[in-house]
Amino acid sequence: MDKLTTHDVDAGIQAILENVESLIEEAALLFQNERFARAYTLAHLSREELAKTTMLHSLGVKLLLGIGIDWKSFWKRFRDHKAKLFQESVFNVALTEAPEVGGKPHYTKIAGAIHSRNDWKNESLYVSWKNGFLNPVDIMDKEKARNAIILAKRSYELNKRVAEQIGKFSDRGSGDIIHMKPLIEEALKCSEEEMAGIVNKLGGRLGGS
């Protein structure tokens, strides 16, 4: 099982952000040419890809603090579509500066939406069956594609800003973030339902460390 260094983490975050920027640009080009189904697909995939940056930020902190890493579990989540969708959703909800009216969605609502989002991705690519065969162009309209691109851009900007605030892990030492170790250890023990609150605290401390 491959083990990463802080230099690997930095390179991975940079590569992912560059790839996401390209995916969003290409989604916008497809949208302009009224290829709404595939525009939706690329916007969706860009958000899945962004989830990897959150995973790598967490990994970078653990490497600096000398916290044990389950590499098998890490790589499994890194490649799992639904795990990435959940990670990206929690990250955006926890760190958003302007929560929606009525407050931020609860963990259970985020988790419940993952299956739907994965289904929509498949429906934007493949012919599906719902009381008849449906072509992606019959399901993914202009509004769905536009909303997907807007959300992808918002998520990209948020992830990019956090990455800039944190800086390169390879340039830091454990002393820079030793105050975060109790929070990381708390996160490792908490339930998934409590994770959004932990991510919120962690995001604030990463940006301010």
N, C-alpha and C. Protein backbone atom coordinates (compact mmCIF):
# COMPACT_ATOMS: atom_id res chain seq x y z
N MET A 1 0.84 -1.18 0.00
CA MET A 1 0.00 0.00 0.00
C MET A 1 0.89 1.25 0.00
N ASP A 2 0.72 2.13 -0.99
CA ASP A 2 1.55 3.33 -1.10
C ASP A 2 1.34 4.26 0.08
N LYS A 3 2.46 4.78 0.60
CA LYS A 3 2.42 5.76 1.68
C LYS A 3 2.90 7.10 1.14
N LEU A 4 2.22 8.18 1.51
CA LEU A 4 2.52 9.50 0.99
C LEU A 4 3.35 10.32 1.97
N THR A 5 4.10 11.27 1.43
CA THR A 5 4.85 12.24 2.23
C THR A 5 4.12 13.58 2.15
N THR A 6 4.57 14.55 2.93
CA THR A 6 3.96 15.89 2.86
C THR A 6 4.19 16.52 1.48
N HIS A 7 5.31 16.20 0.84
CA HIS A 7 5.55 16.70 -0.52
C HIS A 7 4.52 16.10 -1.49
N ASP A 8 4.21 14.82 -1.31
CA ASP A 8 3.19 14.18 -2.14
C ASP A 8 1.83 14.84 -1.92
N VAL A 9 1.52 15.15 -0.68
CA VAL A 9 0.24 15.79 -0.34
C VAL A 9 0.13 17.14 -1.04
N ASP A 10 1.19 17.95 -0.96
CA ASP A 10 1.19 19.26 -1.62
C ASP A 10 0.99 19.13 -3.13
N ALA A 11 1.71 18.20 -3.73
CA ALA A 11 1.62 17.99 -5.18
C ALA A 11 0.22 17.52 -5.56
N GLY A 12 -0.35 16.65 -4.73
CA GLY A 12 -1.69 16.14 -5.02
C GLY A 12 -2.74 17.23 -4.96
N ILE A 13 -2.69 18.07 -3.95
CA ILE A 13 -3.66 19.16 -3.82
C ILE A 13 -3.57 20.11 -5.01
N GLN A 14 -2.34 20.46 -5.41
CA GLN A 14 -2.16 21.36 -6.55
C GLN A 14 -2.69 20.74 -7.84
N ALA A 15 -2.39 19.46 -8.06
CA ALA A 15 -2.85 18.77 -9.28
C ALA A 15 -4.37 18.68 -9.32
N ILE A 16 -4.98 18.41 -8.19
CA ILE A 16 -6.43 18.29 -8.13
C ILE A 16 -7.10 19.62 -8.43
N LEU A 17 -6.60 20.71 -7.83
CA LEU A 17 -7.19 22.02 -8.07
C LEU A 17 -7.05 22.43 -9.54
N GLU A 18 -5.92 22.11 -10.14
CA GLU A 18 -5.73 22.42 -11.57
C GLU A 18 -6.70 21.61 -12.43
N ASN A 19 -6.87 20.33 -12.09
CA ASN A 19 -7.77 19.48 -12.85
C ASN A 19 -9.21 19.93 -12.72
N VAL A 20 -9.60 20.32 -11.51
CA VAL A 20 -10.96 20.79 -11.27
C VAL A 20 -11.23 22.07 -12.05
N GLU A 21 -10.26 22.97 -12.08
CA GLU A 21 -10.44 24.21 -12.84
C GLU A 21 -10.70 23.90 -14.31
N SER A 22 -9.97 22.92 -14.85
CA SER A 22 -10.18 22.52 -16.25
C SER A 22 -11.55 21.88 -16.45
N LEU A 23 -11.96 21.03 -15.53
CA LEU A 23 -13.27 20.38 -15.64
C LEU A 23 -14.40 21.41 -15.66
N ILE A 24 -14.29 22.43 -14.81
CA ILE A 24 -15.33 23.45 -14.75
C ILE A 24 -15.33 24.29 -16.02
N GLU A 25 -14.15 24.62 -16.53
CA GLU A 25 -14.06 25.38 -17.78
C GLU A 25 -14.69 24.60 -18.93
N GLU A 26 -14.43 23.29 -18.97
CA GLU A 26 -14.98 22.46 -20.04
C GLU A 26 -16.48 22.28 -19.87
N ALA A 27 -16.95 22.22 -18.63
CA ALA A 27 -18.40 22.15 -18.39
C ALA A 27 -19.07 23.41 -18.89
N ALA A 28 -18.43 24.56 -18.66
CA ALA A 28 -18.99 25.84 -19.13
C ALA A 28 -19.04 25.89 -20.66
N LEU A 29 -18.02 25.35 -21.31
CA LEU A 29 -18.01 25.33 -22.78
C LEU A 29 -19.14 24.46 -23.32
N LEU A 30 -19.34 23.31 -22.70
CA LEU A 30 -20.45 22.44 -23.11
C LEU A 30 -21.79 23.13 -22.88
N PHE A 31 -21.91 23.82 -21.77
CA PHE A 31 -23.15 24.54 -21.46
C PHE A 31 -23.43 25.60 -22.52
N GLN A 32 -22.40 26.35 -22.90
CA GLN A 32 -22.56 27.39 -23.91
C GLN A 32 -23.02 26.82 -25.25
N ASN A 33 -22.64 25.56 -25.51
CA ASN A 33 -23.03 24.90 -26.76
C ASN A 33 -24.26 24.01 -26.58
N GLU A 34 -24.97 24.23 -25.47
CA GLU A 34 -26.24 23.57 -25.18
C GLU A 34 -26.12 22.05 -25.06
N ARG A 35 -24.96 21.60 -24.62
CA ARG A 35 -24.75 20.19 -24.31
C ARG A 35 -24.93 20.02 -22.80
N PHE A 36 -26.18 20.16 -22.37
CA PHE A 36 -26.47 20.30 -20.94
C PHE A 36 -26.21 19.03 -20.13
N ALA A 37 -26.48 17.88 -20.71
CA ALA A 37 -26.28 16.63 -19.98
C ALA A 37 -24.81 16.44 -19.62
N ARG A 38 -23.93 16.60 -20.61
CA ARG A 38 -22.51 16.39 -20.35
C ARG A 38 -21.91 17.55 -19.55
N ALA A 39 -22.48 18.74 -19.69
CA ALA A 39 -22.04 19.86 -18.85
C ALA A 39 -22.31 19.52 -17.39
N TYR A 40 -23.48 18.93 -17.14
CA TYR A 40 -23.81 18.50 -15.78
C TYR A 40 -22.81 17.44 -15.30
N THR A 41 -22.50 16.50 -16.17
CA THR A 41 -21.57 15.41 -15.80
C THR A 41 -20.24 15.97 -15.33
N LEU A 42 -19.65 16.86 -16.11
CA LEU A 42 -18.33 17.39 -15.76
C LEU A 42 -18.38 18.24 -14.49
N ALA A 43 -19.46 18.98 -14.32
CA ALA A 43 -19.60 19.78 -13.09
C ALA A 43 -19.68 18.86 -11.87
N HIS A 44 -20.44 17.79 -12.02
CA HIS A 44 -20.57 16.81 -10.94
C HIS A 44 -19.21 16.17 -10.63
N LEU A 45 -18.50 15.75 -11.68
CA LEU A 45 -17.21 15.09 -11.48
C LEU A 45 -16.19 16.03 -10.84
N SER A 46 -16.29 17.31 -11.15
CA SER A 46 -15.36 18.27 -10.55
C SER A 46 -15.54 18.33 -9.04
N ARG A 47 -16.78 18.19 -8.57
CA ARG A 47 -17.04 18.23 -7.13
C ARG A 47 -16.57 16.93 -6.45
N GLU A 48 -16.69 15.83 -7.14
CA GLU A 48 -16.13 14.58 -6.61
C GLU A 48 -14.61 14.71 -6.48
N GLU A 49 -14.00 15.28 -7.50
CA GLU A 49 -12.55 15.44 -7.51
C GLU A 49 -12.10 16.35 -6.37
N LEU A 50 -12.87 17.40 -6.09
CA LEU A 50 -12.51 18.34 -5.03
C LEU A 50 -12.46 17.69 -3.66
N ALA A 51 -13.27 16.67 -3.46
CA ALA A 51 -13.29 15.99 -2.16
C ALA A 51 -11.91 15.44 -1.80
N LYS A 52 -11.12 15.13 -2.81
CA LYS A 52 -9.78 14.59 -2.56
C LYS A 52 -8.88 15.62 -1.86
N THR A 53 -9.12 16.92 -2.12
CA THR A 53 -8.28 17.92 -1.46
C THR A 53 -8.52 17.90 0.05
N THR A 54 -9.79 17.73 0.45
CA THR A 54 -10.11 17.66 1.88
C THR A 54 -9.43 16.46 2.51
N MET A 55 -9.48 15.33 1.81
CA MET A 55 -8.84 14.12 2.32
C MET A 55 -7.33 14.33 2.47
N LEU A 56 -6.73 15.02 1.50
CA LEU A 56 -5.29 15.25 1.55
C LEU A 56 -4.91 16.26 2.63
N HIS A 57 -5.77 17.27 2.86
CA HIS A 57 -5.50 18.21 3.95
C HIS A 57 -5.48 17.47 5.28
N SER A 58 -6.46 16.61 5.47
CA SER A 58 -6.52 15.82 6.70
C SER A 58 -5.29 14.94 6.84
N LEU A 59 -4.90 14.33 5.72
CA LEU A 59 -3.72 13.46 5.73
C LEU A 59 -2.46 14.25 6.06
N GLY A 60 -2.33 15.46 5.48
CA GLY A 60 -1.16 16.29 5.74
C GLY A 60 -1.02 16.64 7.21
N VAL A 61 -2.14 16.97 7.85
CA VAL A 61 -2.11 17.30 9.28
C VAL A 61 -1.67 16.08 10.09
N LYS A 62 -2.21 14.92 9.77
CA LYS A 62 -1.84 13.70 10.49
C LYS A 62 -0.37 13.37 10.32
N LEU A 63 0.16 13.58 9.12
CA LEU A 63 1.58 13.31 8.88
C LEU A 63 2.45 14.23 9.74
N LEU A 64 2.08 15.50 9.81
CA LEU A 64 2.86 16.44 10.61
C LEU A 64 2.81 16.13 12.10
N LEU A 65 1.65 15.66 12.54
CA LEU A 65 1.47 15.40 13.97
C LEU A 65 1.88 13.98 14.37
N GLY A 66 2.26 13.17 13.40
CA GLY A 66 2.68 11.81 13.71
C GLY A 66 1.54 10.91 14.12
N ILE A 67 0.33 11.22 13.66
CA ILE A 67 -0.83 10.40 13.97
C ILE A 67 -0.86 9.21 13.01
N GLY A 68 -1.10 8.02 13.55
CA GLY A 68 -1.12 6.81 12.72
C GLY A 68 -2.16 6.89 11.61
N ILE A 69 -1.81 6.36 10.45
CA ILE A 69 -2.68 6.43 9.27
C ILE A 69 -2.99 5.02 8.78
N ASP A 70 -4.28 4.76 8.59
CA ASP A 70 -4.71 3.50 8.00
C ASP A 70 -4.70 3.70 6.48
N TRP A 71 -3.59 3.33 5.84
CA TRP A 71 -3.43 3.62 4.41
C TRP A 71 -4.44 2.88 3.54
N LYS A 72 -4.79 1.68 3.93
CA LYS A 72 -5.78 0.92 3.17
C LYS A 72 -7.12 1.65 3.16
N SER A 73 -7.52 2.14 4.33
CA SER A 73 -8.77 2.88 4.44
C SER A 73 -8.70 4.19 3.66
N PHE A 74 -7.56 4.88 3.74
CA PHE A 74 -7.40 6.14 3.03
C PHE A 74 -7.59 5.95 1.53
N TRP A 75 -6.90 4.99 0.94
CA TRP A 75 -6.97 4.79 -0.51
C TRP A 75 -8.35 4.29 -0.94
N LYS A 76 -9.01 3.56 -0.07
CA LYS A 76 -10.36 3.11 -0.39
C LYS A 76 -11.29 4.30 -0.50
N ARG A 77 -11.21 5.23 0.47
CA ARG A 77 -12.07 6.42 0.44
C ARG A 77 -11.68 7.33 -0.72
N PHE A 78 -10.39 7.40 -1.02
CA PHE A 78 -9.89 8.27 -2.08
C PHE A 78 -10.47 7.88 -3.44
N ARG A 79 -10.80 6.59 -3.59
CA ARG A 79 -11.30 6.10 -4.87
C ARG A 79 -12.82 5.87 -4.88
N ASP A 80 -13.45 5.97 -3.72
CA ASP A 80 -14.88 5.66 -3.62
C ASP A 80 -15.73 6.90 -3.96
N HIS A 81 -16.60 6.77 -4.97
CA HIS A 81 -17.40 7.91 -5.44
C HIS A 81 -18.30 8.47 -4.35
N LYS A 82 -19.01 7.61 -3.66
CA LYS A 82 -19.96 8.08 -2.66
C LYS A 82 -19.25 8.69 -1.46
N ALA A 83 -18.10 8.14 -1.10
CA ALA A 83 -17.33 8.72 0.00
C ALA A 83 -16.86 10.11 -0.36
N LYS A 84 -16.48 10.30 -1.63
CA LYS A 84 -16.04 11.63 -2.06
C LYS A 84 -17.19 12.62 -2.10
N LEU A 85 -18.37 12.17 -2.52
CA LEU A 85 -19.53 13.05 -2.53
C LEU A 85 -19.88 13.50 -1.12
N PHE A 86 -19.83 12.58 -0.17
CA PHE A 86 -20.14 12.93 1.21
C PHE A 86 -19.09 13.90 1.76
N GLN A 87 -17.84 13.62 1.49
CA GLN A 87 -16.75 14.47 1.99
C GLN A 87 -16.89 15.88 1.46
N GLU A 88 -17.18 16.02 0.17
CA GLU A 88 -17.30 17.34 -0.45
C GLU A 88 -18.49 18.09 0.12
N SER A 89 -19.59 17.40 0.35
CA SER A 89 -20.79 18.04 0.88
C SER A 89 -20.57 18.54 2.30
N VAL A 90 -19.99 17.69 3.15
CA VAL A 90 -19.73 18.07 4.54
C VAL A 90 -18.78 19.26 4.61
N PHE A 91 -17.75 19.23 3.77
CA PHE A 91 -16.76 20.32 3.75
C PHE A 91 -17.44 21.65 3.43
N ASN A 92 -18.27 21.66 2.40
CA ASN A 92 -18.92 22.89 1.99
C ASN A 92 -19.92 23.39 3.04
N VAL A 93 -20.65 22.47 3.64
CA VAL A 93 -21.62 22.86 4.66
C VAL A 93 -20.93 23.40 5.89
N ALA A 94 -19.86 22.73 6.32
CA ALA A 94 -19.17 23.11 7.55
C ALA A 94 -18.45 24.44 7.43
N LEU A 95 -17.87 24.73 6.26
CA LEU A 95 -17.03 25.91 6.12
C LEU A 95 -17.71 27.07 5.40
N THR A 96 -18.94 26.89 4.96
CA THR A 96 -19.62 27.98 4.26
C THR A 96 -19.77 29.18 5.17
N GLU A 97 -19.59 30.37 4.61
CA GLU A 97 -19.66 31.59 5.40
C GLU A 97 -21.09 32.10 5.52
N ALA A 98 -21.95 31.67 4.62
CA ALA A 98 -23.33 32.16 4.63
C ALA A 98 -24.29 30.99 4.57
N PRO A 99 -24.68 30.42 5.73
CA PRO A 99 -25.58 29.28 5.73
C PRO A 99 -26.93 29.63 5.13
N GLU A 100 -27.57 28.64 4.54
CA GLU A 100 -28.87 28.85 3.91
C GLU A 100 -29.93 29.19 4.96
N VAL A 101 -31.02 29.76 4.48
CA VAL A 101 -32.12 30.10 5.36
C VAL A 101 -32.60 28.82 6.06
N GLY A 102 -32.77 28.91 7.38
CA GLY A 102 -33.20 27.73 8.11
C GLY A 102 -32.04 26.97 8.71
N GLY A 103 -30.80 27.46 8.47
CA GLY A 103 -29.63 26.79 9.05
C GLY A 103 -29.01 25.81 8.08
N LYS A 104 -27.85 25.30 8.46
CA LYS A 104 -27.14 24.34 7.61
C LYS A 104 -27.82 22.98 7.66
N PRO A 105 -27.80 22.26 6.54
CA PRO A 105 -28.42 20.92 6.51
C PRO A 105 -27.79 19.99 7.54
N HIS A 106 -28.60 19.15 8.15
CA HIS A 106 -28.11 18.18 9.12
C HIS A 106 -27.36 17.07 8.39
N TYR A 107 -26.47 16.42 9.12
CA TYR A 107 -25.68 15.31 8.56
C TYR A 107 -26.54 14.29 7.83
N THR A 108 -27.69 13.92 8.42
CA THR A 108 -28.52 12.88 7.82
C THR A 108 -29.07 13.33 6.47
N LYS A 109 -29.34 14.61 6.32
CA LYS A 109 -29.82 15.12 5.03
C LYS A 109 -28.71 15.06 3.99
N ILE A 110 -27.48 15.38 4.42
CA ILE A 110 -26.34 15.31 3.50
C ILE A 110 -26.14 13.89 3.03
N ALA A 111 -26.13 12.96 3.98
CA ALA A 111 -25.92 11.55 3.65
C ALA A 111 -27.03 11.03 2.76
N GLY A 112 -28.26 11.46 3.03
CA GLY A 112 -29.39 10.99 2.24
C GLY A 112 -29.37 11.47 0.81
N ALA A 113 -28.71 12.61 0.57
CA ALA A 113 -28.68 13.17 -0.78
C ALA A 113 -27.60 12.54 -1.65
N ILE A 114 -26.68 11.81 -1.04
CA ILE A 114 -25.56 11.24 -1.80
C ILE A 114 -26.04 10.27 -2.87
N HIS A 115 -26.99 9.41 -2.52
CA HIS A 115 -27.49 8.44 -3.50
C HIS A 115 -28.14 9.14 -4.69
N SER A 116 -28.90 10.21 -4.40
CA SER A 116 -29.56 10.95 -5.48
C SER A 116 -28.53 11.59 -6.39
N ARG A 117 -27.50 12.20 -5.80
CA ARG A 117 -26.48 12.85 -6.62
C ARG A 117 -25.74 11.85 -7.49
N ASN A 118 -25.49 10.67 -6.96
CA ASN A 118 -24.81 9.64 -7.75
C ASN A 118 -25.71 9.15 -8.88
N ASP A 119 -27.01 9.05 -8.60
CA ASP A 119 -27.97 8.65 -9.63
C ASP A 119 -28.03 9.69 -10.75
N TRP A 120 -28.03 10.97 -10.37
CA TRP A 120 -28.10 12.04 -11.37
C TRP A 120 -26.87 12.01 -12.27
N LYS A 121 -25.71 11.71 -11.68
CA LYS A 121 -24.50 11.60 -12.50
C LYS A 121 -24.67 10.50 -13.54
N ASN A 122 -25.17 9.34 -13.11
CA ASN A 122 -25.37 8.23 -14.04
C ASN A 122 -26.41 8.57 -15.11
N GLU A 123 -27.45 9.28 -14.71
CA GLU A 123 -28.50 9.65 -15.65
C GLU A 123 -28.02 10.68 -16.67
N SER A 124 -26.97 11.43 -16.32
CA SER A 124 -26.43 12.41 -17.26
C SER A 124 -25.52 11.75 -18.30
N LEU A 125 -25.16 10.48 -18.06
CA LEU A 125 -24.24 9.76 -18.94
C LEU A 125 -24.90 8.64 -19.73
N TYR A 126 -25.84 7.93 -19.06
CA TYR A 126 -26.36 6.69 -19.64
C TYR A 126 -27.87 6.74 -19.82
N VAL A 127 -28.34 5.97 -20.78
CA VAL A 127 -29.78 5.79 -20.95
C VAL A 127 -30.31 5.04 -19.74
N SER A 128 -31.40 5.54 -19.16
CA SER A 128 -31.98 4.94 -17.96
C SER A 128 -33.42 4.52 -18.22
N TRP A 129 -34.00 3.84 -17.23
CA TRP A 129 -35.38 3.34 -17.36
C TRP A 129 -36.26 3.91 -16.25
N LYS A 130 -37.32 4.64 -16.62
CA LYS A 130 -38.33 5.11 -15.67
C LYS A 130 -39.65 5.13 -16.43
N ASN A 131 -40.31 3.96 -16.39
CA ASN A 131 -41.54 3.78 -17.18
C ASN A 131 -41.26 4.01 -18.66
N GLY A 132 -40.08 3.68 -19.07
CA GLY A 132 -39.65 3.86 -20.45
C GLY A 132 -38.19 4.25 -20.46
N PHE A 133 -37.53 4.06 -21.60
CA PHE A 133 -36.12 4.42 -21.71
C PHE A 133 -35.98 5.93 -21.85
N LEU A 134 -35.03 6.48 -21.10
CA LEU A 134 -34.81 7.92 -21.12
C LEU A 134 -33.37 8.24 -21.51
N ASN A 135 -33.22 9.11 -22.48
CA ASN A 135 -31.91 9.59 -22.90
C ASN A 135 -31.46 10.68 -21.93
N PRO A 136 -30.18 10.79 -21.63
CA PRO A 136 -29.71 11.85 -20.74
C PRO A 136 -30.18 13.25 -21.13
N VAL A 137 -30.30 13.51 -22.43
CA VAL A 137 -30.72 14.85 -22.87
C VAL A 137 -32.17 15.13 -22.50
N ASP A 138 -32.94 14.08 -22.20
CA ASP A 138 -34.33 14.26 -21.79
C ASP A 138 -34.46 14.51 -20.29
N ILE A 139 -33.38 14.26 -19.55
CA ILE A 139 -33.42 14.38 -18.10
C ILE A 139 -32.68 15.62 -17.62
N MET A 140 -31.50 15.84 -18.16
CA MET A 140 -30.66 16.95 -17.71
C MET A 140 -30.92 18.19 -18.55
N ASP A 141 -31.68 19.12 -18.00
CA ASP A 141 -32.01 20.33 -18.74
C ASP A 141 -31.04 21.46 -18.42
N LYS A 142 -31.30 22.61 -19.01
CA LYS A 142 -30.42 23.77 -18.87
C LYS A 142 -30.28 24.20 -17.41
N GLU A 143 -31.38 24.20 -16.68
CA GLU A 143 -31.37 24.67 -15.30
C GLU A 143 -30.52 23.77 -14.40
N LYS A 144 -30.66 22.45 -14.58
CA LYS A 144 -29.87 21.52 -13.77
C LYS A 144 -28.38 21.68 -14.07
N ALA A 145 -28.05 21.85 -15.34
CA ALA A 145 -26.65 22.02 -15.71
C ALA A 145 -26.09 23.32 -15.14
N ARG A 146 -26.88 24.40 -15.26
CA ARG A 146 -26.43 25.69 -14.74
C ARG A 146 -26.18 25.62 -13.23
N ASN A 147 -27.11 25.04 -12.50
CA ASN A 147 -26.97 24.94 -11.05
C ASN A 147 -25.75 24.11 -10.66
N ALA A 148 -25.52 23.02 -11.41
CA ALA A 148 -24.36 22.16 -11.12
C ALA A 148 -23.05 22.92 -11.31
N ILE A 149 -22.98 23.73 -12.36
CA ILE A 149 -21.77 24.50 -12.63
C ILE A 149 -21.56 25.58 -11.56
N ILE A 150 -22.63 26.23 -11.15
CA ILE A 150 -22.54 27.26 -10.11
C ILE A 150 -22.02 26.65 -8.81
N LEU A 151 -22.57 25.50 -8.43
CA LEU A 151 -22.13 24.83 -7.20
C LEU A 151 -20.68 24.38 -7.31
N ALA A 152 -20.30 23.90 -8.49
CA ALA A 152 -18.91 23.45 -8.69
C ALA A 152 -17.94 24.62 -8.56
N LYS A 153 -18.29 25.76 -9.15
CA LYS A 153 -17.43 26.94 -9.06
C LYS A 153 -17.30 27.40 -7.61
N ARG A 154 -18.42 27.40 -6.90
CA ARG A 154 -18.41 27.84 -5.50
C ARG A 154 -17.54 26.91 -4.66
N SER A 155 -17.66 25.61 -4.88
CA SER A 155 -16.88 24.64 -4.13
C SER A 155 -15.40 24.77 -4.46
N TYR A 156 -15.09 24.99 -5.73
CA TYR A 156 -13.69 25.16 -6.15
C TYR A 156 -13.06 26.37 -5.47
N GLU A 157 -13.75 27.51 -5.48
CA GLU A 157 -13.21 28.72 -4.87
C GLU A 157 -12.98 28.53 -3.38
N LEU A 158 -13.90 27.84 -2.73
CA LEU A 158 -13.78 27.59 -1.30
C LEU A 158 -12.57 26.70 -1.00
N ASN A 159 -12.43 25.62 -1.76
CA ASN A 159 -11.31 24.71 -1.57
C ASN A 159 -9.98 25.39 -1.88
N LYS A 160 -9.96 26.21 -2.92
CA LYS A 160 -8.74 26.92 -3.30
C LYS A 160 -8.33 27.90 -2.21
N ARG A 161 -9.31 28.61 -1.65
CA ARG A 161 -9.02 29.58 -0.60
C ARG A 161 -8.46 28.89 0.65
N VAL A 162 -9.05 27.77 1.03
CA VAL A 162 -8.57 27.02 2.19
C VAL A 162 -7.14 26.53 1.95
N ALA A 163 -6.88 26.04 0.74
CA ALA A 163 -5.53 25.55 0.42
C ALA A 163 -4.51 26.67 0.51
N GLU A 164 -4.88 27.87 0.06
CA GLU A 164 -3.97 29.02 0.12
C GLU A 164 -3.73 29.44 1.56
N GLN A 165 -4.77 29.37 2.40
CA GLN A 165 -4.63 29.76 3.80
C GLN A 165 -3.75 28.78 4.57
N ILE A 166 -3.90 27.51 4.25
CA ILE A 166 -3.11 26.48 4.94
C ILE A 166 -1.65 26.52 4.49
N GLY A 167 -1.44 26.71 3.19
CA GLY A 167 -0.08 26.70 2.66
C GLY A 167 0.42 25.27 2.46
N LYS A 168 1.70 25.14 2.13
CA LYS A 168 2.28 23.83 1.86
C LYS A 168 2.62 23.09 3.16
N PHE A 169 2.22 21.85 3.21
CA PHE A 169 2.53 21.04 4.39
C PHE A 169 4.03 20.77 4.50
N SER A 170 4.70 20.68 3.35
CA SER A 170 6.13 20.39 3.37
C SER A 170 6.95 21.55 3.92
N ASP A 171 6.34 22.73 4.02
CA ASP A 171 7.03 23.89 4.57
C ASP A 171 6.77 24.08 6.07
N ARG A 172 5.99 23.17 6.64
CA ARG A 172 5.60 23.35 8.03
C ARG A 172 6.16 22.22 8.90
N GLY A 173 6.20 22.51 10.20
CA GLY A 173 6.61 21.50 11.16
C GLY A 173 5.48 21.21 12.12
N SER A 174 5.62 20.18 12.89
CA SER A 174 4.55 19.80 13.82
C SER A 174 4.25 20.92 14.82
N GLY A 175 5.28 21.73 15.14
CA GLY A 175 5.09 22.80 16.10
C GLY A 175 4.10 23.85 15.64
N ASP A 176 3.95 23.98 14.31
CA ASP A 176 3.03 24.98 13.76
C ASP A 176 1.58 24.66 14.08
N ILE A 177 1.28 23.37 14.21
CA ILE A 177 -0.13 22.99 14.37
C ILE A 177 -0.34 22.02 15.52
N ILE A 178 0.60 22.00 16.47
CA ILE A 178 0.49 21.05 17.57
C ILE A 178 -0.78 21.28 18.38
N HIS A 179 -1.28 22.54 18.37
CA HIS A 179 -2.50 22.84 19.11
C HIS A 179 -3.72 22.14 18.54
N MET A 180 -3.58 21.60 17.32
CA MET A 180 -4.70 20.93 16.67
C MET A 180 -4.78 19.45 16.99
N LYS A 181 -3.75 18.90 17.62
CA LYS A 181 -3.71 17.45 17.84
C LYS A 181 -4.91 16.95 18.63
N PRO A 182 -5.33 17.62 19.74
CA PRO A 182 -6.51 17.13 20.47
C PRO A 182 -7.76 17.11 19.60
N LEU A 183 -7.88 18.09 18.70
CA LEU A 183 -9.06 18.15 17.83
C LEU A 183 -9.04 17.01 16.82
N ILE A 184 -7.87 16.71 16.28
CA ILE A 184 -7.75 15.60 15.34
C ILE A 184 -8.09 14.29 16.03
N GLU A 185 -7.57 14.11 17.22
CA GLU A 185 -7.84 12.88 17.97
C GLU A 185 -9.32 12.77 18.30
N GLU A 186 -9.96 13.91 18.57
CA GLU A 186 -11.41 13.91 18.83
C GLU A 186 -12.16 13.47 17.58
N ALA A 187 -11.71 13.97 16.43
CA ALA A 187 -12.37 13.63 15.17
C ALA A 187 -12.24 12.14 14.86
N LEU A 188 -11.08 11.57 15.20
CA LEU A 188 -10.86 10.15 14.92
C LEU A 188 -11.80 9.26 15.74
N LYS A 189 -12.25 9.77 16.90
CA LYS A 189 -13.10 8.98 17.78
C LYS A 189 -14.59 9.26 17.58
N CYS A 190 -14.93 10.38 16.96
CA CYS A 190 -16.33 10.79 16.90
C CYS A 190 -17.11 9.98 15.87
N SER A 191 -18.43 10.05 15.99
CA SER A 191 -19.30 9.40 15.02
C SER A 191 -19.36 10.25 13.76
N GLU A 192 -19.83 9.66 12.67
CA GLU A 192 -19.96 10.41 11.43
C GLU A 192 -20.93 11.58 11.59
N GLU A 193 -21.94 11.41 12.43
CA GLU A 193 -22.93 12.45 12.62
C GLU A 193 -22.32 13.70 13.25
N GLU A 194 -21.27 13.52 14.04
CA GLU A 194 -20.62 14.64 14.71
C GLU A 194 -19.53 15.28 13.85
N MET A 195 -19.24 14.68 12.71
CA MET A 195 -18.09 15.10 11.93
C MET A 195 -18.20 16.52 11.39
N ALA A 196 -19.39 16.98 11.01
CA ALA A 196 -19.53 18.32 10.45
C ALA A 196 -19.06 19.38 11.43
N GLY A 197 -19.41 19.22 12.71
CA GLY A 197 -18.96 20.17 13.72
C GLY A 197 -17.45 20.16 13.89
N ILE A 198 -16.86 18.98 13.83
CA ILE A 198 -15.41 18.86 13.95
C ILE A 198 -14.73 19.53 12.76
N VAL A 199 -15.25 19.29 11.57
CA VAL A 199 -14.67 19.89 10.36
C VAL A 199 -14.73 21.41 10.44
N ASN A 200 -15.82 21.93 10.98
CA ASN A 200 -15.96 23.37 11.12
C ASN A 200 -14.87 23.94 12.02
N LYS A 201 -14.64 23.31 13.17
CA LYS A 201 -13.59 23.75 14.08
C LYS A 201 -12.22 23.62 13.42
N LEU A 202 -12.01 22.49 12.77
CA LEU A 202 -10.72 22.21 12.15
C LEU A 202 -10.41 23.22 11.05
N GLY A 203 -11.43 23.54 10.25
CA GLY A 203 -11.23 24.50 9.17
C GLY A 203 -10.80 25.85 9.69
N GLY A 204 -11.44 26.29 10.78
CA GLY A 204 -11.08 27.57 11.37
C GLY A 204 -9.65 27.59 11.89
N ARG A 205 -9.25 26.51 12.51
CA ARG A 205 -7.89 26.45 13.09
C ARG A 205 -6.82 26.29 12.02
N LEU A 206 -7.15 25.55 10.95
CA LEU A 206 -6.19 25.40 9.86
C LEU A 206 -5.91 26.75 9.22
N GLY A 207 -6.97 27.52 8.99
CA GLY A 207 -6.81 28.83 8.36
C GLY A 207 -6.08 29.81 9.24
N GLY A 208 -6.19 29.64 10.57
CA GLY A 208 -5.59 30.60 11.48
C GLY A 208 -4.28 30.17 12.06
N SER A 209 -3.84 28.93 11.75
CA SER A 209 -2.60 28.42 12.36
C SER A 209 -1.37 29.03 11.71
